[in-house]
Every structure is written in structure tokens, then in C-alpha cells.
Amino acid sequence: LQWLRNPGPQHEKRTLFGDMVCFLFITPLATISGWLCLRGAVDHLHFSSRLEAVGLIALTVALFTIYLFWTLVSFRYHCRLYNEWRRTNQRVILLIPKSANIPSNQQSLLGMQSLKRNLKETIV
């Protein structure tokens, strides 16, 4: 979620949103189309020619191969973008422990700075 809130390149976010919408539409369509092709292949094997059944089975295999290829390529692309973002967008705060050497007014300033820190930052 932090990646989506980051004011970085909007192109990557639009691509992710577009791929998610396509995935939500294509998955049911591919499933129904594959089921209908296999159903037609079974009917053609029982009542008609084997050539049409083999053609429908080949169509189903091609459909699912293209669907799986697109899904894997899209998933790999977005994982690569996310890993690159994680590598380049790390926010780290170094907390300095209170010691006797720091005057009390500087300790209070350090305490106020730690209260103002952003929730997205990592404490080390």
C-alpha cells in the first residue's frame, strides 16, 4: 500500500491498475471459453467428426497457453517494479539513545523530533 501512496511515477500505477482490471475480466472469460471449447470437443467426439474435436482441444490449449503467458509476464513485471521500488525507496531514521553528554534542551529536541516522525519510516 505504501507503494501505491508514494508520489512516484504514475505510469507504473496506471499499468498495475490496467493489468488488474484486465485480469478480472479475462480470467472468467478464459475459464468459460475453455469450458465451452472442451464441452464442444466432447460433444463432437460422441456425435460428429474427430477433426473438429481435435481443433477445439487445440483452441483450448492455445487459449490457456496465451492466458498463462500473459499472466506470468504481467506478474513478473509488477514484481520487478515492486522490488526495484523497495530497493530504491527506503526511509530509515536513526534514533540516538539518550546519554549524559547531551544537554537537557537538546534531549527534548530529539524527543520532539521522534514524535514528529512519519509512520512510513523505519526505526533502526
Protein backbone atom coordinates (compact mmCIF):
# COMPACT_ATOMS: atom_id res chain seq x y z
CA LEU A 1 0.00 0.00 0.00
CA GLN A 2 2.90 2.32 0.67
CA TRP A 3 3.99 1.93 -2.96
CA LEU A 4 0.54 2.99 -4.16
CA ARG A 5 0.59 6.07 -1.91
CA ASN A 6 4.10 7.04 -2.98
CA PRO A 7 4.05 10.08 -5.30
CA GLY A 8 6.29 8.33 -7.78
CA PRO A 9 5.74 7.64 -11.48
CA GLN A 10 2.02 7.46 -12.25
CA HIS A 11 2.66 5.31 -15.32
CA GLU A 12 3.53 2.30 -13.17
CA LYS A 13 0.38 2.68 -11.07
CA ARG A 14 -1.81 3.02 -14.18
CA THR A 15 -0.19 -0.09 -15.64
CA LEU A 16 -0.88 -2.05 -12.44
CA PHE A 17 -4.49 -0.86 -12.33
CA GLY A 18 -4.99 -1.70 -16.02
CA ASP A 19 -3.49 -5.16 -15.60
CA MET A 20 -5.68 -5.83 -12.56
CA VAL A 21 -8.82 -4.82 -14.49
CA CYS A 22 -7.78 -6.99 -17.45
CA PHE A 23 -7.06 -9.90 -15.12
CA LEU A 24 -10.50 -9.59 -13.50
CA PHE A 25 -12.23 -9.58 -16.91
CA ILE A 26 -10.04 -12.08 -18.77
CA THR A 27 -9.95 -14.78 -16.08
CA PRO A 28 -13.70 -15.57 -16.12
CA LEU A 29 -13.83 -15.20 -19.90
CA ALA A 30 -10.92 -17.59 -20.41
CA THR A 31 -12.44 -20.08 -17.97
CA ILE A 32 -15.85 -20.03 -19.64
CA SER A 33 -14.35 -20.14 -23.14
CA GLY A 34 -12.12 -23.07 -22.24
CA TRP A 35 -15.01 -24.94 -20.67
CA LEU A 36 -17.22 -24.33 -23.72
CA CYS A 37 -14.47 -25.47 -26.10
CA LEU A 38 -13.89 -28.66 -24.12
CA ARG A 39 -17.62 -29.28 -23.87
CA GLY A 40 -17.92 -28.87 -27.64
CA ALA A 41 -14.96 -31.20 -28.16
CA VAL A 42 -16.64 -33.90 -26.05
CA ASP A 43 -19.88 -33.50 -28.00
CA HIS A 44 -18.03 -33.69 -31.33
CA LEU A 45 -16.22 -36.83 -30.20
CA HIS A 46 -19.53 -38.55 -29.43
CA PHE A 47 -21.69 -37.29 -32.30
CA SER A 48 -19.52 -35.84 -35.04
CA SER A 49 -16.07 -35.80 -36.51
CA ARG A 50 -12.89 -36.21 -34.54
CA LEU A 51 -11.20 -33.47 -36.55
CA GLU A 52 -13.48 -30.77 -35.11
CA ALA A 53 -12.94 -32.17 -31.60
CA VAL A 54 -9.15 -32.02 -32.05
CA GLY A 55 -9.48 -28.45 -33.35
CA LEU A 56 -11.50 -27.40 -30.28
CA ILE A 57 -8.99 -29.05 -27.95
CA ALA A 58 -6.13 -27.26 -29.74
CA LEU A 59 -8.06 -23.99 -29.41
CA THR A 60 -8.47 -24.58 -25.67
CA VAL A 61 -4.76 -25.34 -25.24
CA ALA A 62 -3.81 -22.21 -27.21
CA LEU A 63 -6.25 -20.09 -25.20
CA PHE A 64 -4.90 -21.22 -21.84
CA THR A 65 -1.28 -21.02 -23.01
CA ILE A 66 -1.75 -17.38 -24.04
CA TYR A 67 -3.63 -16.60 -20.82
CA LEU A 68 -0.93 -18.17 -18.62
CA PHE A 69 1.84 -16.48 -20.59
CA TRP A 70 0.20 -13.06 -20.21
CA THR A 71 -0.45 -13.65 -16.50
CA LEU A 72 3.12 -14.74 -15.77
CA VAL A 73 4.71 -11.91 -17.77
CA SER A 74 2.46 -9.32 -16.13
CA PHE A 75 3.06 -10.70 -12.64
CA ARG A 76 6.82 -10.85 -13.19
CA TYR A 77 6.85 -7.25 -14.49
CA HIS A 78 4.98 -5.92 -11.46
CA CYS A 79 7.11 -7.92 -9.02
CA ARG A 80 10.24 -6.49 -10.65
CA LEU A 81 8.85 -2.95 -10.35
CA TYR A 82 7.95 -3.52 -6.71
CA ASN A 83 11.37 -4.96 -5.84
CA GLU A 84 13.09 -2.06 -7.60
CA TRP A 85 10.92 0.38 -5.67
CA ARG A 86 11.73 -1.34 -2.36
CA ARG A 87 15.43 -1.20 -3.14
CA THR A 88 15.45 2.50 -4.05
CA ASN A 89 12.85 3.93 -1.63
CA GLN A 90 14.00 3.04 1.84
CA ARG A 91 13.37 5.54 4.59
CA VAL A 92 15.42 4.96 7.71
CA ILE A 93 15.58 7.02 10.92
CA LEU A 94 18.49 6.57 13.26
CA LEU A 95 17.42 7.04 16.87
CA ILE A 96 20.17 8.33 19.11
CA PRO A 97 19.95 6.98 22.66
CA LYS A 98 19.79 9.49 25.46
CA SER A 99 23.16 9.94 27.12
CA ALA A 100 24.58 12.03 29.93
CA ASN A 101 26.76 14.02 27.49
CA ILE A 102 23.82 15.71 25.69
CA PRO A 103 22.38 18.80 27.40
CA SER A 104 18.75 18.54 28.50
CA ASN A 105 17.47 21.08 25.94
CA GLN A 106 18.96 19.02 23.05
CA GLN A 107 17.43 15.84 24.54
CA SER A 108 13.99 17.46 24.48
CA LEU A 109 14.53 18.49 20.84
CA LEU A 110 15.46 14.91 19.94
CA GLY A 111 12.36 13.67 21.76
CA MET A 112 10.12 16.10 19.83
CA GLN A 113 11.68 15.07 16.52
CA SER A 114 10.93 11.41 17.22
CA LEU A 115 7.28 12.30 17.92
CA LYS A 116 7.01 14.08 14.56
CA ARG A 117 8.38 11.18 12.53
CA ASN A 118 6.29 9.77 9.76
CA LEU A 119 4.67 6.33 10.17
CA LYS A 120 6.16 5.20 6.85
CA GLU A 121 9.69 5.42 8.19
CA THR A 122 11.69 2.55 9.60
CA ILE A 123 13.17 2.85 13.08
CA VAL A 124 16.69 1.49 13.49
